[in-house]
Amino acid sequence: APLGRCARRSTRHTHDSLSPGLALAQEDLPRTVHVVGRPEARENSGICGEYTYVGVHGERAAYQRRGSNHVIFFAAKSQRWIMGQHGFQEGAAVNAYADDCVGLSHPGHAELMWQVWESSAGQHIHDPDVVSMDAMGLVSVVGRATNRIHHAVCGEYALAGVHHGRPLYQQKEGEHEIKFYSPDGRWLISPIGAMGNQCHAFSDGPTHHHPGTAEMVWHFFEPQINSFQTDLAVRSLPCPLFVHVIGRSPSSGNSHINGTYQAVGAVDGRPMFLQPGTSKLLRYSARGKRWLIQCEGLAEPSLLGKLYHWLFSGGSIPEDRCNAFAEDCSAPHPGFCELQWQVFEDRSGSHKLDTMVRSTTAPLAVKVCGRDPGRENGDIVGDYMLCGTHCGRPAYMKQGTTLAIRYWPPAGRWIIDVHGLRNTDCCSAFVDDLGGVSEDPTCLKTWQVYAKSRGCHVPDPSLVVLEHEEAPRHLPAGSTADERHVAQKHGLAGLEVPEGKRLRRLASMGA
């Protein structure tokens, strides 16, 4: 397939006016802000989405939308919060604005009244449905025993809108929602569409901006006694159900830290994960201010007892001996590639940085689609499986080929390369990761594909990379997902597909 070098990006000006970032934890700033409420059919619907904290502008927190030039920042001269798509420039065109008369430190406040530009009116018009919130995009409910009523409320919930001025979440694989009911000052878990305060469970939380708070205590309706009873094992967490640890080479020792970890509760105020069928823990230590991987975490009777104590008291676990750790970066959970993992090495008797190891929530399989296979570079379409890490991000390879999707930090781009995982900007296609915050290449726009006749990459608005609808949720037991192993073998052991799903097993990528 024809290849070309990425043209040097000319729009990396968006952060020029930013000051070094405030410490998120010290300033109590949200890592992300979500904007919801503008229908896609209406003008300026692009303001909606997840915005990530990127620094300071006008002495207030500034945010940029993933894979986009859309930003939110404070304009000190006009005392307004601005939504625009031309970087942090106060004189540029404004998609929407909200007056701030009280000095808010960030824009994630539902009380801000957003005025959105309407071309037909030639001015900004108040849109009461547009809300900017300090909210997680995903919340997981865990801990309800499978033999108890209403255990079906467990699972992942995605941000779906606003209810009574707070975020509304709907279950991704179920029929429940989490919403705030202001008359009672409570968060409710209810069947979708339930009226009033009808619910399966509730938690008192008038001060909580969103339900992804580990300290919340949930009370479940028990029909046999016709009242609500507290279930201290249930937690609503600001994280996905699964986090994958990848990249540790089998030849380096402690490669058993690799694998998929499932959220089971919270400790020290952060989510805790357990690798199913093992004693391996992935958890936070408030004492050490770091994330830990403990491969024998539940094998020690004393620690198991402490975990039971934590389960019913919300206490902390003092034991911090671990196989690997990563210093805290104010992450709400460990599924972020920015975490730098130090892994214990027997030869040195100490922990050493392994830049290949990453903890991520990236999908285990993606598909490239939208380009006619008969067109130039049409062979890039197809299914790609997670094969490890490259340049600090997850990497993917296509079955039976050397085609790879990888991240290229010097240009801040995701690249599709016919020659696999290498360090070069030469590629078949690329997409800019504006803001540099994407954990994986899904849903980024717009991909540029190399055209030999023009000698450059040309935008293809039809080309997209999506999470595969039949992607497995777990790495197979014993998988290292290590790119050096893949490079040597040109293949990867097949990923197990959940029952009922028929995604092709990636038995070999071919030599």
Protein backbone atom coordinates (compact mmCIF):
# COMPACT_ATOMS: atom_id res chain seq x y z
CA ALA A 1 0.00 0.00 0.00
CA PRO A 2 1.29 3.50 -0.79
CA LEU A 3 2.78 5.31 2.17
CA GLY A 4 3.48 8.93 2.89
CA ARG A 5 4.95 11.01 5.67
CA CYS A 6 2.60 13.01 7.86
CA ALA A 7 2.60 16.67 6.93
CA ARG A 8 3.72 18.76 9.89
CA ARG A 9 0.67 19.94 11.79
CA SER A 10 0.02 23.66 11.47
CA THR A 11 -2.64 24.09 14.16
CA ARG A 12 -0.76 23.30 17.37
CA HIS A 13 -1.42 26.79 18.69
CA THR A 14 -4.30 25.99 20.99
CA HIS A 15 -2.19 25.84 24.17
CA ASP A 16 0.00 28.87 23.49
CA SER A 17 -1.89 31.10 25.94
CA LEU A 18 -2.13 28.50 28.72
CA SER A 19 -0.26 28.74 31.99
CA PRO A 20 1.14 25.69 33.80
CA GLY A 21 -1.73 23.69 35.23
CA LEU A 22 -2.97 23.99 38.77
CA ALA A 23 -2.79 20.85 40.87
CA LEU A 24 -6.16 19.18 40.32
CA ALA A 25 -6.35 17.74 43.82
CA GLN A 26 -5.17 20.93 45.58
CA GLU A 27 -7.62 23.17 43.74
CA ASP A 28 -10.48 20.65 43.79
CA LEU A 29 -10.78 20.92 40.02
CA PRO A 30 -12.57 18.21 38.01
CA ARG A 31 -10.43 16.25 35.61
CA THR A 32 -13.24 16.33 33.06
CA VAL A 33 -16.25 18.53 32.36
CA HIS A 34 -19.19 17.33 30.27
CA VAL A 35 -21.44 19.53 28.15
CA VAL A 36 -24.84 18.06 27.28
CA GLY A 37 -28.22 19.15 25.96
CA ARG A 38 -27.68 20.49 22.43
CA PRO A 39 -29.34 18.19 19.83
CA GLU A 40 -27.17 17.11 16.89
CA ALA A 41 -29.65 18.59 14.41
CA ARG A 42 -29.18 22.09 15.84
CA GLU A 43 -26.41 24.55 15.01
CA ASN A 44 -23.34 24.35 17.27
CA SER A 45 -24.20 20.89 18.58
CA GLY A 46 -20.45 20.25 18.49
CA ILE A 47 -20.06 21.99 21.83
CA CYS A 48 -21.42 18.86 23.53
CA GLY A 49 -19.01 16.21 24.75
CA GLU A 50 -16.28 15.48 27.27
CA TYR A 51 -13.68 18.17 27.94
CA THR A 52 -10.37 17.37 29.67
CA TYR A 53 -8.42 19.74 31.92
CA VAL A 54 -5.38 21.10 30.06
CA GLY A 55 -4.13 24.07 32.08
CA VAL A 56 -5.00 27.61 33.14
CA HIS A 57 -6.28 30.62 31.19
CA GLY A 58 -7.37 33.87 32.80
CA GLU A 59 -6.42 32.39 36.19
CA ARG A 60 -9.17 29.77 35.83
CA ALA A 61 -9.18 26.13 34.73
CA ALA A 62 -9.23 25.52 30.96
CA TYR A 63 -10.56 22.44 29.17
CA GLN A 64 -10.33 20.94 25.68
CA ARG A 65 -12.66 18.43 24.07
CA ARG A 66 -11.14 15.08 23.17
CA GLY A 67 -10.01 14.96 19.53
CA SER A 68 -11.29 18.45 18.79
CA ASN A 69 -10.33 22.13 18.77
CA HIS A 70 -13.35 22.90 20.96
CA VAL A 71 -12.28 24.48 24.25
CA ILE A 72 -13.82 26.04 27.36
CA PHE A 73 -11.95 28.84 29.10
CA PHE A 74 -12.53 31.98 31.16
CA ALA A 75 -12.28 35.40 29.51
CA ALA A 76 -11.26 37.77 32.29
CA LYS A 77 -12.07 40.94 30.36
CA SER A 78 -15.73 40.03 29.81
CA GLN A 79 -16.06 37.88 32.97
CA ARG A 80 -17.47 35.05 30.89
CA TRP A 81 -16.86 31.38 30.29
CA ILE A 82 -16.29 30.82 26.59
CA MET A 83 -16.89 27.79 24.36
CA GLY A 84 -15.00 28.13 21.09
CA GLN A 85 -13.16 26.10 18.52
CA HIS A 86 -10.26 28.41 17.69
CA GLY A 87 -8.09 27.78 20.70
CA PHE A 88 -7.75 29.92 23.79
CA GLN A 89 -8.15 33.25 22.01
CA GLU A 90 -10.49 35.76 23.57
CA GLY A 91 -11.00 37.67 20.31
CA ALA A 92 -11.99 34.62 18.27
CA ALA A 93 -15.52 33.61 17.30
CA VAL A 94 -17.56 32.28 20.22
CA ASN A 95 -19.88 29.27 19.88
CA ALA A 96 -21.37 29.81 23.32
CA TYR A 97 -20.77 31.80 26.48
CA ALA A 98 -22.00 32.01 30.08
CA ASP A 99 -21.64 34.99 32.41
CA ASP A 100 -19.86 34.30 35.72
CA CYS A 101 -20.69 36.77 38.48
CA VAL A 102 -19.48 34.65 41.40
CA GLY A 103 -15.91 33.71 40.42
CA LEU A 104 -16.22 29.98 39.68
CA SER A 105 -12.87 28.18 39.45
CA HIS A 106 -14.06 25.88 36.64
CA PRO A 107 -16.99 25.67 34.19
CA GLY A 108 -18.47 22.42 35.51
CA HIS A 109 -21.40 24.06 37.25
CA ALA A 110 -24.98 23.37 36.16
CA GLU A 111 -26.09 26.86 37.26
CA LEU A 112 -24.19 28.52 34.39
CA MET A 113 -26.66 29.82 31.79
CA TRP A 114 -25.28 29.21 28.30
CA GLN A 115 -25.98 31.51 25.37
CA VAL A 116 -25.43 29.66 22.07
CA TRP A 117 -24.85 31.31 18.69
CA GLU A 118 -27.81 31.14 16.29
CA SER A 119 -26.99 32.24 12.73
CA SER A 120 -30.66 32.73 11.89
CA ALA A 121 -30.99 35.28 14.70
CA GLY A 122 -27.53 36.73 14.22
CA GLN A 123 -26.83 36.56 17.94
CA HIS A 124 -26.32 34.26 20.92
CA ILE A 125 -29.58 32.83 22.29
CA HIS A 126 -30.06 31.31 25.72
CA ASP A 127 -30.45 27.52 25.50
CA PRO A 128 -31.81 26.23 28.83
CA ASP A 129 -31.07 22.63 27.81
CA VAL A 130 -27.29 23.17 27.55
CA VAL A 131 -25.56 22.28 30.80
CA SER A 132 -21.87 22.04 31.70
CA MET A 133 -21.31 19.62 34.56
CA ASP A 134 -18.61 18.27 36.83
CA ALA A 135 -19.49 14.69 35.95
CA MET A 136 -17.86 11.44 34.95
CA GLY A 137 -18.71 10.01 31.54
CA LEU A 138 -19.06 6.56 33.07
CA VAL A 139 -20.10 5.27 36.50
CA SER A 140 -20.01 1.63 37.65
CA VAL A 141 -22.22 0.10 40.33
CA VAL A 142 -20.67 -2.95 42.01
CA GLY A 143 -21.09 -5.13 45.08
CA ARG A 144 -24.72 -6.28 45.11
CA ALA A 145 -24.73 -10.04 45.69
CA THR A 146 -26.13 -12.06 42.79
CA ASN A 147 -28.48 -13.97 45.10
CA ARG A 148 -30.16 -10.79 46.33
CA ILE A 149 -33.04 -8.88 44.78
CA HIS A 150 -32.14 -5.94 42.53
CA HIS A 151 -28.64 -7.31 41.80
CA ALA A 152 -29.31 -6.39 38.15
CA VAL A 153 -28.56 -2.75 38.99
CA CYS A 154 -24.84 -3.61 38.92
CA GLY A 155 -22.98 -2.62 35.78
CA GLU A 156 -21.76 0.38 33.83
CA TYR A 157 -23.83 3.53 33.45
CA ALA A 158 -23.13 6.13 30.76
CA LEU A 159 -23.90 9.84 31.02
CA ALA A 160 -27.21 10.40 29.19
CA GLY A 161 -28.45 13.85 30.15
CA VAL A 162 -29.60 15.99 33.05
CA HIS A 163 -32.25 15.46 35.72
CA HIS A 164 -33.04 18.02 38.43
CA GLY A 165 -29.83 19.89 37.65
CA ARG A 166 -27.53 16.88 38.09
CA PRO A 167 -26.18 14.30 35.60
CA LEU A 168 -28.44 11.45 34.52
CA TYR A 169 -26.89 8.04 33.82
CA GLN A 170 -28.39 5.06 31.99
CA GLN A 171 -27.21 1.46 32.24
CA LYS A 172 -25.24 0.38 29.17
CA GLU A 173 -26.44 -3.23 29.28
CA GLY A 174 -29.64 -3.05 31.30
CA GLU A 175 -32.79 -1.09 31.98
CA HIS A 176 -31.84 1.09 34.94
CA GLU A 177 -30.82 4.70 35.43
CA ILE A 178 -29.18 6.77 38.15
CA LYS A 179 -30.68 10.20 38.71
CA PHE A 180 -30.88 12.92 41.32
CA TYR A 181 -34.25 13.64 42.92
CA SER A 182 -34.01 17.15 44.33
CA PRO A 183 -37.14 17.17 46.56
CA ASP A 184 -35.56 14.44 48.72
CA GLY A 185 -31.91 15.37 48.09
CA ARG A 186 -31.22 11.79 47.04
CA TRP A 187 -29.65 9.84 44.22
CA LEU A 188 -31.92 7.09 42.96
CA ILE A 189 -31.33 3.85 41.03
CA SER A 190 -34.59 3.26 39.20
CA PRO A 191 -36.02 1.51 36.18
CA ILE A 192 -35.72 3.83 33.18
CA GLY A 193 -38.77 6.08 33.08
CA ALA A 194 -39.82 5.57 36.71
CA MET A 195 -41.75 8.56 38.06
CA GLY A 196 -41.03 10.65 41.13
CA ASN A 197 -38.96 8.98 43.82
CA GLN A 198 -39.83 5.41 42.83
CA CYS A 199 -36.61 3.41 42.95
CA HIS A 200 -34.85 0.14 43.72
CA ALA A 201 -32.18 1.92 45.77
CA PHE A 202 -31.26 5.38 47.00
CA SER A 203 -28.35 7.25 48.54
CA ASP A 204 -28.51 10.52 50.44
CA GLY A 205 -26.22 12.85 48.55
CA PRO A 206 -27.32 16.48 48.20
CA THR A 207 -23.67 17.62 48.15
CA HIS A 208 -22.45 15.12 45.55
CA HIS A 209 -22.17 16.54 42.02
CA HIS A 210 -22.43 13.05 40.49
CA PRO A 211 -23.06 9.51 41.77
CA GLY A 212 -19.53 8.27 41.04
CA THR A 213 -18.50 8.80 44.65
CA ALA A 214 -17.12 5.83 46.58
CA GLU A 215 -18.27 7.22 49.95
CA MET A 216 -21.97 7.09 49.03
CA VAL A 217 -24.00 4.55 51.04
CA TRP A 218 -26.80 2.78 49.17
CA HIS A 219 -30.09 1.52 50.63
CA PHE A 220 -32.05 -1.15 48.74
CA PHE A 221 -35.76 -1.90 48.87
CA GLU A 222 -36.43 -5.31 50.42
CA PRO A 223 -40.00 -6.38 49.57
CA GLN A 224 -40.14 -9.10 52.22
CA ILE A 225 -39.98 -6.41 54.95
CA ASN A 226 -41.46 -3.63 52.79
CA SER A 227 -38.66 -1.18 53.61
CA PHE A 228 -35.18 -0.09 52.55
CA GLN A 229 -32.09 -1.75 54.03
CA THR A 230 -28.50 -0.56 53.85
CA ASP A 231 -26.09 -2.62 51.71
CA LEU A 232 -22.57 -1.55 52.66
CA ALA A 233 -21.04 -3.76 49.97
CA VAL A 234 -22.50 -1.68 47.13
CA ARG A 235 -20.42 1.14 45.69
CA SER A 236 -20.97 3.54 42.81
CA LEU A 237 -17.55 4.25 41.34
CA PRO A 238 -16.16 6.86 38.91
CA CYS A 239 -14.65 4.26 36.60
CA PRO A 240 -15.41 1.55 34.03
CA LEU A 241 -15.89 -2.02 35.18
CA PHE A 242 -12.62 -3.19 33.62
CA VAL A 243 -9.03 -1.93 33.46
CA HIS A 244 -6.35 -3.71 31.42
CA VAL A 245 -2.68 -3.85 32.42
CA ILE A 246 -0.53 -4.54 29.35
CA GLY A 247 3.04 -4.42 28.12
CA ARG A 248 5.16 -6.32 30.66
CA SER A 249 7.47 -8.68 28.81
CA PRO A 250 7.55 -12.35 29.93
CA SER A 251 11.35 -12.22 30.02
CA SER A 252 11.42 -9.36 32.53
CA GLY A 253 9.77 -11.07 35.49
CA ASN A 254 6.52 -10.09 37.18
CA SER A 255 4.78 -10.39 33.82
CA HIS A 256 1.80 -11.79 35.72
CA ILE A 257 0.79 -8.21 36.52
CA ASN A 258 -0.65 -8.21 32.97
CA GLY A 259 -4.32 -8.90 32.56
CA THR A 260 -7.81 -7.54 33.04
CA TYR A 261 -8.89 -6.27 36.45
CA GLN A 262 -12.55 -5.84 37.45
CA ALA A 263 -13.92 -3.17 39.80
CA VAL A 264 -15.12 -4.73 43.07
CA GLY A 265 -15.28 -1.85 45.54
CA ALA A 266 -13.35 1.09 46.93
CA VAL A 267 -10.50 1.61 49.35
CA ASP A 268 -8.97 4.89 50.50
CA GLY A 269 -11.67 6.68 48.52
CA ARG A 270 -10.65 5.27 45.13
CA PRO A 271 -11.88 2.25 43.12
CA MET A 272 -10.30 -1.13 43.78
CA PHE A 273 -9.96 -3.84 41.12
CA LEU A 274 -9.53 -7.60 41.33
CA GLN A 275 -8.35 -9.86 38.51
CA PRO A 276 -11.14 -12.49 38.29
CA GLY A 277 -10.14 -15.97 39.41
CA THR A 278 -6.88 -14.75 41.02
CA SER A 279 -5.65 -13.03 44.17
CA LYS A 280 -4.33 -10.02 42.22
CA LEU A 281 -5.38 -6.56 43.37
CA LEU A 282 -5.10 -3.18 41.67
CA ARG A 283 -5.85 -0.48 44.23
CA TYR A 284 -4.96 2.94 45.57
CA SER A 285 -2.88 3.65 48.65
CA ALA A 286 -3.64 6.98 50.31
CA ARG A 287 -0.60 6.57 52.56
CA GLY A 288 1.78 6.18 49.62
CA LYS A 289 -0.26 8.36 47.23
CA ARG A 290 0.17 5.77 44.53
CA TRP A 291 -1.62 2.99 42.68
CA LEU A 292 -0.49 -0.54 43.55
CA ILE A 293 -0.60 -3.94 41.86
CA GLN A 294 -0.42 -6.74 44.43
CA CYS A 295 -0.30 -10.14 42.80
CA GLU A 296 -0.76 -11.99 46.09
CA GLY A 297 -3.08 -9.40 47.58
CA LEU A 298 -5.84 -11.82 48.59
CA ALA A 299 -3.55 -14.77 49.24
CA GLU A 300 -2.52 -13.38 52.62
CA PRO A 301 -5.14 -14.19 55.28
CA SER A 302 -4.40 -10.99 57.18
CA LEU A 303 -5.02 -8.83 54.13
CA LEU A 304 -8.17 -10.78 53.28
CA GLY A 305 -9.47 -10.02 56.76
CA LYS A 306 -8.62 -6.36 56.34
CA LEU A 307 -10.51 -6.33 53.05
CA TYR A 308 -13.61 -7.69 54.77
CA HIS A 309 -13.17 -4.97 57.39
CA TRP A 310 -12.89 -2.38 54.61
CA LEU A 311 -15.98 -3.77 52.92
CA PHE A 312 -18.17 -2.93 55.89
CA SER A 313 -16.39 0.09 57.32
CA GLY A 314 -14.82 1.92 54.37
CA GLY A 315 -11.42 1.86 56.10
CA SER A 316 -7.97 1.65 54.54
CA ILE A 317 -5.49 -1.17 54.02
CA PRO A 318 -2.08 -0.33 55.51
CA GLU A 319 -0.12 -3.04 53.67
CA ASP A 320 1.62 -1.42 50.68
CA ARG A 321 4.05 -4.16 49.56
CA CYS A 322 3.47 -4.57 45.85
CA ASN A 323 4.70 -6.00 42.56
CA ALA A 324 4.29 -2.67 40.80
CA PHE A 325 3.24 0.88 41.58
CA ALA A 326 2.52 4.17 39.82
CA GLU A 327 2.63 7.59 41.43
CA ASP A 328 -0.73 9.33 41.72
CA CYS A 329 -1.58 11.90 39.03
CA SER A 330 -4.99 12.81 40.48
CA ALA A 331 -6.55 10.09 38.33
CA PRO A 332 -9.99 8.95 39.57
CA HIS A 333 -9.08 5.39 38.59
CA PRO A 334 -5.95 3.60 37.29
CA GLY A 335 -7.09 3.22 33.65
CA PHE A 336 -4.97 6.07 32.26
CA CYS A 337 -1.91 5.65 30.05
CA GLU A 338 -0.21 8.63 31.69
CA LEU A 339 0.51 6.51 34.78
CA GLN A 340 4.18 5.48 34.88
CA TRP A 341 4.57 1.98 36.33
CA GLN A 342 7.56 0.91 38.42
CA VAL A 343 7.80 -2.90 38.45
CA PHE A 344 9.72 -4.95 41.03
CA GLU A 345 12.80 -6.73 39.66
CA ASP A 346 14.33 -9.63 41.59
CA ARG A 347 17.85 -9.02 40.27
CA SER A 348 18.06 -5.50 41.65
CA GLY A 349 15.73 -6.06 44.57
CA SER A 350 13.92 -2.83 43.77
CA HIS A 351 11.20 -1.34 41.56
CA LYS A 352 12.29 -0.09 38.13
CA LEU A 353 10.40 2.03 35.63
CA ASP A 354 9.04 0.00 32.70
CA THR A 355 7.87 2.42 30.02
CA MET A 356 6.15 -0.41 28.13
CA VAL A 357 3.68 -1.11 30.93
CA ARG A 358 0.40 0.77 30.76
CA SER A 359 -2.96 0.51 32.49
CA THR A 360 -5.79 1.43 30.17
CA THR A 361 -9.50 1.24 29.46
CA ALA A 362 -8.88 1.02 25.70
CA PRO A 363 -11.05 -1.52 23.85
CA LEU A 364 -9.47 -4.92 23.17
CA ALA A 365 -10.66 -4.81 19.56
CA VAL A 366 -11.40 -2.00 17.12
CA LYS A 367 -12.56 -1.88 13.53
CA VAL A 368 -11.51 0.47 10.74
CA CYS A 369 -14.43 1.09 8.41
CA GLY A 370 -15.95 3.54 5.95
CA ARG A 371 -13.38 3.35 3.14
CA ASP A 372 -14.07 1.32 -0.01
CA PRO A 373 -11.63 -1.64 -0.01
CA GLY A 374 -11.17 -1.11 -3.76
CA ARG A 375 -9.74 2.37 -3.27
CA GLU A 376 -6.10 3.19 -2.76
CA ASN A 377 -5.09 2.15 0.75
CA GLY A 378 -8.44 0.41 1.09
CA ASP A 379 -6.68 -2.53 2.73
CA ILE A 380 -6.51 -0.60 6.00
CA VAL A 381 -10.17 -1.43 6.74
CA GLY A 382 -10.84 -4.44 8.95
CA ASP A 383 -10.63 -5.74 12.52
CA TYR A 384 -7.66 -4.92 14.72
CA MET A 385 -6.81 -6.51 18.08
CA LEU A 386 -4.92 -5.01 21.00
CA CYS A 387 -1.35 -6.30 20.85
CA GLY A 388 0.47 -4.28 23.51
CA THR A 389 1.83 -0.77 23.84
CA HIS A 390 3.83 1.53 21.60
CA CYS A 391 5.11 5.00 22.50
CA GLY A 392 3.09 4.95 25.70
CA ARG A 393 -0.32 4.13 24.21
CA PRO A 394 -2.20 0.94 23.29
CA ALA A 395 -1.34 -0.53 19.89
CA TYR A 396 -3.41 -2.70 17.56
CA MET A 397 -2.65 -5.12 14.71
CA LYS A 398 -4.83 -6.49 11.92
CA GLN A 399 -5.26 -10.24 11.59
CA GLY A 400 -2.97 -11.92 9.06
CA THR A 401 -1.11 -8.70 8.19
CA THR A 402 1.54 -6.34 9.51
CA LEU A 403 -0.95 -3.43 9.51
CA ALA A 404 -0.89 -1.63 12.84
CA ILE A 405 -2.60 1.27 14.55
CA ARG A 406 -0.15 3.09 16.76
CA TYR A 407 0.42 6.47 18.41
CA TRP A 408 3.15 8.85 17.22
CA PRO A 409 3.98 11.38 20.00
CA PRO A 410 6.14 13.87 18.01
CA ALA A 411 3.12 14.80 15.89
CA GLY A 412 0.42 13.99 18.46
CA ARG A 413 -1.28 11.62 16.04
CA TRP A 414 -2.70 8.14 15.72
CA ILE A 415 -1.29 6.35 12.68
CA ILE A 416 -2.24 3.35 10.55
CA ASP A 417 1.01 1.80 9.30
CA VAL A 418 1.28 -1.12 6.88
CA HIS A 419 4.72 -1.95 8.26
CA GLY A 420 3.66 -2.46 11.86
CA LEU A 421 4.95 -1.00 15.11
CA ARG A 422 7.88 1.24 14.26
CA ASN A 423 9.11 4.73 15.12
CA THR A 424 8.41 6.88 12.08
CA ASP A 425 5.81 9.29 10.74
CA CYS A 426 5.59 7.34 7.47
CA CYS A 427 2.08 5.88 7.26
CA SER A 428 -0.97 5.01 5.20
CA ALA A 429 -3.33 7.17 7.28
CA PHE A 430 -3.36 9.39 10.35
CA VAL A 431 -5.66 11.46 12.56
CA ASP A 432 -4.74 14.33 14.87
CA ASP A 433 -5.27 13.72 18.57
CA LEU A 434 -6.03 17.34 19.39
CA GLY A 435 -5.23 17.98 23.02
CA GLY A 436 -3.27 14.71 23.21
CA VAL A 437 -5.70 13.16 25.69
CA SER A 438 -7.08 10.15 23.80
CA GLU A 439 -6.40 6.76 25.36
CA ASP A 440 -7.19 5.03 22.05
CA PRO A 441 -7.93 5.94 18.40
CA THR A 442 -11.70 5.44 18.45
CA CYS A 443 -14.08 8.21 17.42
CA LEU A 444 -11.37 10.69 16.42
CA LYS A 445 -12.02 12.85 13.35
CA THR A 446 -10.93 13.43 10.57
CA TRP A 447 -8.66 10.65 9.19
CA GLN A 448 -6.29 11.58 6.36
CA VAL A 449 -5.32 8.84 3.88
CA TYR A 450 -2.27 8.92 1.63
CA ALA A 451 -2.99 9.53 -2.07
CA LYS A 452 -0.05 8.63 -4.31
CA SER A 453 -1.31 10.79 -7.18
CA ARG A 454 -1.14 13.89 -4.97
CA GLY A 455 1.89 12.88 -2.97
CA CYS A 456 0.19 13.74 0.32
CA HIS A 457 -2.52 12.64 2.74
CA VAL A 458 -6.08 13.61 1.85
CA PRO A 459 -9.02 13.82 4.29
CA ASP A 460 -11.48 10.94 4.11
CA PRO A 461 -14.54 11.95 6.20
CA SER A 462 -16.03 8.47 5.77
CA LEU A 463 -13.14 6.68 7.47
CA VAL A 464 -13.64 5.97 11.17
CA VAL A 465 -12.12 3.75 13.85
CA LEU A 466 -14.71 2.34 16.26
CA GLU A 467 -14.73 0.01 19.22
CA HIS A 468 -15.69 -3.38 17.83
CA GLU A 469 -19.25 -4.28 18.81
CA GLU A 470 -18.09 -7.83 19.60
CA ALA A 471 -14.89 -6.88 21.39
CA PRO A 472 -14.07 -9.16 24.35
CA ARG A 473 -14.09 -7.59 27.81
CA HIS A 474 -11.19 -9.62 29.25
CA LEU A 475 -7.65 -10.35 28.19
CA PRO A 476 -7.13 -14.13 28.13
CA ALA A 477 -5.48 -15.66 31.16
CA GLY A 478 -1.71 -15.54 30.85
CA SER A 479 -1.72 -12.98 28.04
CA THR A 480 1.11 -10.47 28.16
CA ALA A 481 -0.18 -8.24 25.34
CA ASP A 482 3.45 -7.27 24.84
CA GLU A 483 4.52 -5.69 21.56
CA ARG A 484 8.03 -7.11 21.70
CA HIS A 485 6.54 -10.59 21.87
CA VAL A 486 4.25 -9.73 18.96
CA ALA A 487 7.14 -8.38 16.93
CA GLN A 488 9.05 -11.61 17.43
CA LYS A 489 6.14 -13.97 16.75
CA HIS A 490 4.06 -11.87 14.33
CA GLY A 491 1.04 -13.13 16.23
CA LEU A 492 -0.93 -13.17 19.42
CA ALA A 493 -2.76 -15.90 21.29
CA GLY A 494 -6.48 -15.73 20.56
CA LEU A 495 -8.62 -13.54 22.76
CA GLU A 496 -11.57 -15.24 24.38
CA VAL A 497 -14.89 -13.90 23.14
CA PRO A 498 -17.86 -13.79 25.55
CA GLU A 499 -20.61 -16.35 24.96
CA GLY A 500 -22.89 -15.36 22.11
CA LYS A 501 -20.27 -13.24 20.35
CA ARG A 502 -18.52 -14.48 17.26
CA LEU A 503 -15.64 -12.09 16.62
CA ARG A 504 -12.91 -14.02 14.82
CA ARG A 505 -10.20 -15.35 17.11
CA LEU A 506 -6.86 -13.81 16.40
CA ALA A 507 -4.90 -17.06 16.31
CA SER A 508 -2.05 -15.69 14.24
CA MET A 509 -1.10 -12.57 12.36
CA GLY A 510 1.05 -14.43 9.90
CA ALA A 511 4.75 -14.13 9.20
